[in-house]
Amino acid sequence: MIKQFYTLIAALGFLTMSSAAHASEPQKIGTYGDWSAYSFVENGKKVCYMVSSPKTDEGDYTRRGEIYTLITHRPSENTRNVFSYIAGYPYKQDSEVTVSVNGKDFKLFTYEETAWAPDSATDNAIAAAVRKGSSLVVKGTSKRGTLTTDTYSLKGSGAAHDAISKACP
């Protein structure tokens, strides 16, 4: 399990080849329904994130890596609620991902296997919707043109967000 989270963290750019000595191992804050909350120290600064995997992942593919959605707080950088999505495959170049939370749609930009909100206002809107919603659906297109639909439960997302907000005020 820890190996999966190191892979996830590396995919997000939290760790680089030379920074392994500068980042601590993620410490679990807790599990809240279908979400988990973690913190770690990177270059002497605390980072907190909440993470979940989809309940269902649909698409006509033969192989796909790990799939995660995260919300991250980096108090030292004055960033909160940064929404990111790890697809488990490289996205089609210049494609967008649609995130729907209880019927409200948000557009994300893509780079390699990750998708992000275009600005902090969108990050905050997604985080607020995730906290109060019951389901999250992510639709994207792989580099090979495969359409995917991943569906998440938001059970426990409000408590997980409270936990990372307390750990990284």
C-alpha atoms as a PDB file:
ATOM      1  CA  MET A   1       0.000   0.000   0.000  1.00  0.00           C
ATOM      2  CA  ILE A   2       2.796   2.448   0.876  1.00  0.00           C
ATOM      3  CA  LYS A   3       4.480   1.628  -2.453  1.00  0.00           C
ATOM      4  CA  GLN A   4       1.280   2.625  -4.276  1.00  0.00           C
ATOM      5  CA  PHE A   5       1.211   5.962  -2.481  1.00  0.00           C
ATOM      6  CA  TYR A   6       4.882   6.620  -3.271  1.00  0.00           C
ATOM      7  CA  THR A   7       4.053   5.901  -6.906  1.00  0.00           C
ATOM      8  CA  LEU A   8       1.129   8.278  -6.656  1.00  0.00           C
ATOM      9  CA  ILE A   9       3.192  10.987  -5.022  1.00  0.00           C
ATOM     10  CA  ALA A  10       5.914  10.634  -7.623  1.00  0.00           C
ATOM     11  CA  ALA A  11       3.331  10.877 -10.384  1.00  0.00           C
ATOM     12  CA  LEU A  12       2.116  14.155  -8.947  1.00  0.00           C
ATOM     13  CA  GLY A  13       5.587  15.584  -8.912  1.00  0.00           C
ATOM     14  CA  PHE A  14       5.792  15.590  -5.120  1.00  0.00           C
ATOM     15  CA  LEU A  15       9.026  13.630  -5.307  1.00  0.00           C
ATOM     16  CA  THR A  16      11.807  13.834  -7.837  1.00  0.00           C
ATOM     17  CA  MET A  17      14.757  11.530  -8.261  1.00  0.00           C
ATOM     18  CA  SER A  18      16.926  13.771  -6.116  1.00  0.00           C
ATOM     19  CA  SER A  19      14.383  14.711  -3.483  1.00  0.00           C
ATOM     20  CA  ALA A  20      13.878  11.300  -1.867  1.00  0.00           C
ATOM     21  CA  ALA A  21      16.039  12.471   1.030  1.00  0.00           C
ATOM     22  CA  HIS A  22      13.902  15.618   1.331  1.00  0.00           C
ATOM     23  CA  ALA A  23      10.471  13.980   1.694  1.00  0.00           C
ATOM     24  CA  SER A  24       9.195  11.889   4.552  1.00  0.00           C
ATOM     25  CA  GLU A  25       7.079   8.790   4.187  1.00  0.00           C
ATOM     26  CA  PRO A  26       3.360   9.653   4.080  1.00  0.00           C
ATOM     27  CA  GLN A  27       1.661   9.236   7.450  1.00  0.00           C
ATOM     28  CA  LYS A  28      -1.974   8.211   7.477  1.00  0.00           C
ATOM     29  CA  ILE A  29      -4.159  10.696   9.314  1.00  0.00           C
ATOM     30  CA  GLY A  30      -7.187   8.449   8.986  1.00  0.00           C
ATOM     31  CA  THR A  31      -9.721   6.675   6.805  1.00  0.00           C
ATOM     32  CA  TYR A  32     -13.115   8.303   6.395  1.00  0.00           C
ATOM     33  CA  GLY A  33     -15.620   6.239   4.467  1.00  0.00           C
ATOM     34  CA  ASP A  34     -14.167   5.796   0.973  1.00  0.00           C
ATOM     35  CA  TRP A  35     -11.440   8.438   1.444  1.00  0.00           C
ATOM     36  CA  SER A  36      -8.096   8.435   3.235  1.00  0.00           C
ATOM     37  CA  ALA A  37      -6.136  11.423   4.514  1.00  0.00           C
ATOM     38  CA  TYR A  38      -2.327  11.629   4.676  1.00  0.00           C
ATOM     39  CA  SER A  39       0.427  14.074   5.519  1.00  0.00           C
ATOM     40  CA  PHE A  40       4.146  14.135   4.823  1.00  0.00           C
ATOM     41  CA  VAL A  41       7.012  16.587   5.060  1.00  0.00           C
ATOM     42  CA  GLU A  42       8.706  17.743   1.884  1.00  0.00           C
ATOM     43  CA  ASN A  43      11.787  19.966   2.102  1.00  0.00           C
ATOM     44  CA  GLY A  44      10.874  20.736   5.709  1.00  0.00           C
ATOM     45  CA  LYS A  45       7.311  21.766   4.861  1.00  0.00           C
ATOM     46  CA  LYS A  46       4.129  19.872   5.657  1.00  0.00           C
ATOM     47  CA  VAL A  47       1.830  18.684   2.856  1.00  0.00           C
ATOM     48  CA  CYS A  48      -1.585  17.075   3.408  1.00  0.00           C
ATOM     49  CA  TYR A  49      -3.810  15.272   0.939  1.00  0.00           C
ATOM     50  CA  MET A  50      -6.959  13.191   0.742  1.00  0.00           C
ATOM     51  CA  VAL A  51      -7.211  10.384  -1.776  1.00  0.00           C
ATOM     52  CA  SER A  52      -9.690   7.866  -3.128  1.00  0.00           C
ATOM     53  CA  SER A  53      -9.937   5.250  -5.865  1.00  0.00           C
ATOM     54  CA  PRO A  54     -12.976   4.771  -8.089  1.00  0.00           C
ATOM     55  CA  LYS A  55     -15.735   2.329  -7.231  1.00  0.00           C
ATOM     56  CA  THR A  56     -16.087   1.584 -10.954  1.00  0.00           C
ATOM     57  CA  ASP A  57     -13.776   2.262 -13.903  1.00  0.00           C
ATOM     58  CA  GLU A  58     -15.225   1.753 -17.362  1.00  0.00           C
ATOM     59  CA  GLY A  59     -13.651   1.801 -20.802  1.00  0.00           C
ATOM     60  CA  ASP A  60     -12.567  -0.472 -23.620  1.00  0.00           C
ATOM     61  CA  TYR A  61      -8.950  -0.927 -22.528  1.00  0.00           C
ATOM     62  CA  THR A  62      -6.753  -3.936 -21.883  1.00  0.00           C
ATOM     63  CA  ARG A  63      -4.316  -2.352 -19.416  1.00  0.00           C
ATOM     64  CA  ARG A  64      -4.602   0.530 -17.021  1.00  0.00           C
ATOM     65  CA  GLY A  65      -2.505   1.627 -14.068  1.00  0.00           C
ATOM     66  CA  GLU A  66      -3.630   2.841 -10.659  1.00  0.00           C
ATOM     67  CA  ILE A  67      -6.422   5.450 -10.649  1.00  0.00           C
ATOM     68  CA  TYR A  68      -6.700   8.155  -7.968  1.00  0.00           C
ATOM     69  CA  THR A  69      -8.311  11.468  -7.245  1.00  0.00           C
ATOM     70  CA  LEU A  70      -6.721  13.806  -4.715  1.00  0.00           C
ATOM     71  CA  ILE A  71      -7.220  17.109  -2.971  1.00  0.00           C
ATOM     72  CA  THR A  72      -3.996  18.593  -1.608  1.00  0.00           C
ATOM     73  CA  HIS A  73      -3.104  21.376   0.831  1.00  0.00           C
ATOM     74  CA  ARG A  74       0.381  22.939   0.803  1.00  0.00           C
ATOM     75  CA  PRO A  75       0.259  25.646   3.482  1.00  0.00           C
ATOM     76  CA  SER A  76       3.865  26.758   2.880  1.00  0.00           C
ATOM     77  CA  GLU A  77       2.935  27.567  -0.724  1.00  0.00           C
ATOM     78  CA  ASN A  78      -0.400  29.097   0.256  1.00  0.00           C
ATOM     79  CA  THR A  79      -2.297  26.512  -1.807  1.00  0.00           C
ATOM     80  CA  ARG A  80      -5.376  24.642  -0.638  1.00  0.00           C
ATOM     81  CA  ASN A  81      -7.891  22.345  -2.283  1.00  0.00           C
ATOM     82  CA  VAL A  82      -5.698  21.549  -5.295  1.00  0.00           C
ATOM     83  CA  PHE A  83      -7.670  18.916  -7.190  1.00  0.00           C
ATOM     84  CA  SER A  84      -5.723  16.411  -9.258  1.00  0.00           C
ATOM     85  CA  TYR A  85      -6.569  13.223 -11.040  1.00  0.00           C
ATOM     86  CA  ILE A  86      -4.299  10.304 -11.918  1.00  0.00           C
ATOM     87  CA  ALA A  87      -5.848   8.352 -14.812  1.00  0.00           C
ATOM     88  CA  GLY A  88      -3.650   5.271 -14.980  1.00  0.00           C
ATOM     89  CA  TYR A  89      -2.895   5.963 -18.655  1.00  0.00           C
ATOM     90  CA  PRO A  90      -1.497   8.867 -20.704  1.00  0.00           C
ATOM     91  CA  TYR A  91      -4.187  11.301 -21.826  1.00  0.00           C
ATOM     92  CA  LYS A  92      -4.752  12.313 -25.410  1.00  0.00           C
ATOM     93  CA  GLN A  93      -2.627  15.415 -26.047  1.00  0.00           C
ATOM     94  CA  ASP A  94      -4.457  18.721 -25.498  1.00  0.00           C
ATOM     95  CA  SER A  95      -7.554  16.901 -24.247  1.00  0.00           C
ATOM     96  CA  GLU A  96      -9.840  17.911 -21.410  1.00  0.00           C
ATOM     97  CA  VAL A  97     -11.297  15.826 -18.626  1.00  0.00           C
ATOM     98  CA  THR A  98     -14.795  16.368 -17.307  1.00  0.00           C
ATOM     99  CA  VAL A  99     -15.408  15.993 -13.589  1.00  0.00           C
ATOM    100  CA  SER A 100     -19.060  15.848 -12.529  1.00  0.00           C
ATOM    101  CA  VAL A 101     -20.079  16.123  -8.902  1.00  0.00           C
ATOM    102  CA  ASN A 102     -23.802  15.571  -8.393  1.00  0.00           C
ATOM    103  CA  GLY A 103     -24.489  16.858 -11.909  1.00  0.00           C
ATOM    104  CA  LYS A 104     -22.232  19.952 -11.783  1.00  0.00           C
ATOM    105  CA  ASP A 105     -19.482  19.773 -14.419  1.00  0.00           C
ATOM    106  CA  PHE A 106     -15.911  21.039 -14.184  1.00  0.00           C
ATOM    107  CA  LYS A 107     -13.254  20.975 -16.926  1.00  0.00           C
ATOM    108  CA  LEU A 108      -9.669  19.929 -16.215  1.00  0.00           C
ATOM    109  CA  PHE A 109      -6.579  20.226 -18.391  1.00  0.00           C
ATOM    110  CA  THR A 110      -4.340  17.210 -18.913  1.00  0.00           C
ATOM    111  CA  TYR A 111      -0.650  16.427 -19.020  1.00  0.00           C
ATOM    112  CA  GLU A 112       0.601  12.874 -19.444  1.00  0.00           C
ATOM    113  CA  GLU A 113      -1.368  10.777 -16.865  1.00  0.00           C
ATOM    114  CA  THR A 114      -2.616  13.664 -14.714  1.00  0.00           C
ATOM    115  CA  ALA A 115      -5.440  16.202 -14.949  1.00  0.00           C
ATOM    116  CA  TRP A 116      -5.773  19.440 -12.950  1.00  0.00           C
ATOM    117  CA  ALA A 117      -8.203  22.292 -12.525  1.00  0.00           C
ATOM    118  CA  PRO A 118      -7.152  25.392 -14.481  1.00  0.00           C
ATOM    119  CA  ASP A 119      -7.192  27.741 -11.483  1.00  0.00           C
ATOM    120  CA  SER A 120      -7.701  27.990  -7.715  1.00  0.00           C
ATOM    121  CA  ALA A 121     -11.333  29.110  -8.097  1.00  0.00           C
ATOM    122  CA  THR A 122     -12.125  25.839  -9.876  1.00  0.00           C
ATOM    123  CA  ASP A 123     -10.101  23.870  -7.297  1.00  0.00           C
ATOM    124  CA  ASN A 124     -12.133  25.472  -4.501  1.00  0.00           C
ATOM    125  CA  ALA A 125     -15.443  24.855  -6.286  1.00  0.00           C
ATOM    126  CA  ILE A 126     -14.580  21.182  -6.851  1.00  0.00           C
ATOM    127  CA  ALA A 127     -13.458  20.747  -3.229  1.00  0.00           C
ATOM    128  CA  ALA A 128     -16.696  22.317  -1.950  1.00  0.00           C
ATOM    129  CA  ALA A 129     -18.770  20.070  -4.222  1.00  0.00           C
ATOM    130  CA  VAL A 130     -16.797  16.967  -3.194  1.00  0.00           C
ATOM    131  CA  ARG A 131     -17.295  17.771   0.502  1.00  0.00           C
ATOM    132  CA  LYS A 132     -21.074  17.925   0.104  1.00  0.00           C
ATOM    133  CA  GLY A 133     -21.703  15.558  -2.800  1.00  0.00           C
ATOM    134  CA  SER A 134     -22.493  11.879  -2.967  1.00  0.00           C
ATOM    135  CA  SER A 135     -20.812  10.878  -6.245  1.00  0.00           C
ATOM    136  CA  LEU A 136     -18.045  12.059  -8.533  1.00  0.00           C
ATOM    137  CA  VAL A 137     -17.666  10.950 -12.165  1.00  0.00           C
ATOM    138  CA  VAL A 138     -14.523  11.555 -14.226  1.00  0.00           C
ATOM    139  CA  LYS A 139     -14.559  11.195 -18.021  1.00  0.00           C
ATOM    140  CA  GLY A 140     -11.410  11.326 -20.119  1.00  0.00           C
ATOM    141  CA  THR A 141      -9.796  10.121 -23.331  1.00  0.00           C
ATOM    142  CA  SER A 142      -6.561   8.173 -23.464  1.00  0.00           C
ATOM    143  CA  LYS A 143      -3.701   8.814 -25.867  1.00  0.00           C
ATOM    144  CA  ARG A 144      -5.048   5.877 -27.910  1.00  0.00           C
ATOM    145  CA  GLY A 145      -8.545   7.388 -28.074  1.00  0.00           C
ATOM    146  CA  THR A 146     -10.151   5.181 -25.411  1.00  0.00           C
ATOM    147  CA  LEU A 147     -12.974   6.893 -23.554  1.00  0.00           C
ATOM    148  CA  THR A 148     -13.082   6.153 -19.825  1.00  0.00           C
ATOM    149  CA  THR A 149     -15.615   6.845 -17.100  1.00  0.00           C
ATOM    150  CA  ASP A 150     -14.578   6.486 -13.461  1.00  0.00           C
ATOM    151  CA  THR A 151     -17.150   6.748 -10.686  1.00  0.00           C
ATOM    152  CA  TYR A 152     -16.308   7.572  -7.070  1.00  0.00           C
ATOM    153  CA  SER A 153     -18.240   7.486  -3.845  1.00  0.00           C
ATOM    154  CA  LEU A 154     -17.905  10.693  -1.855  1.00  0.00           C
ATOM    155  CA  LYS A 155     -18.789   8.956   1.414  1.00  0.00           C
ATOM    156  CA  GLY A 156     -16.410  10.365   4.029  1.00  0.00           C
ATOM    157  CA  SER A 157     -15.009  13.102   1.782  1.00  0.00           C
ATOM    158  CA  GLY A 158     -16.187  15.905   4.097  1.00  0.00           C
ATOM    159  CA  ALA A 159     -14.513  14.273   7.117  1.00  0.00           C
ATOM    160  CA  ALA A 160     -11.320  13.592   5.121  1.00  0.00           C
ATOM    161  CA  HIS A 161     -11.235  17.241   4.019  1.00  0.00           C
ATOM    162  CA  ASP A 162     -11.735  18.365   7.629  1.00  0.00           C
ATOM    163  CA  ALA A 163      -8.831  16.111   8.654  1.00  0.00           C
ATOM    164  CA  ILE A 164      -6.363  17.510   6.113  1.00  0.00           C
ATOM    165  CA  SER A 165      -7.521  21.046   6.875  1.00  0.00           C
ATOM    166  CA  LYS A 166      -6.826  20.478  10.571  1.00  0.00           C
ATOM    167  CA  ALA A 167      -3.443  18.839   9.895  1.00  0.00           C
ATOM    168  CA  CYS A 168      -2.418  21.561   7.402  1.00  0.00           C
ATOM    169  CA  PRO A 169      -4.138  24.750   8.586  1.00  0.00           C
END
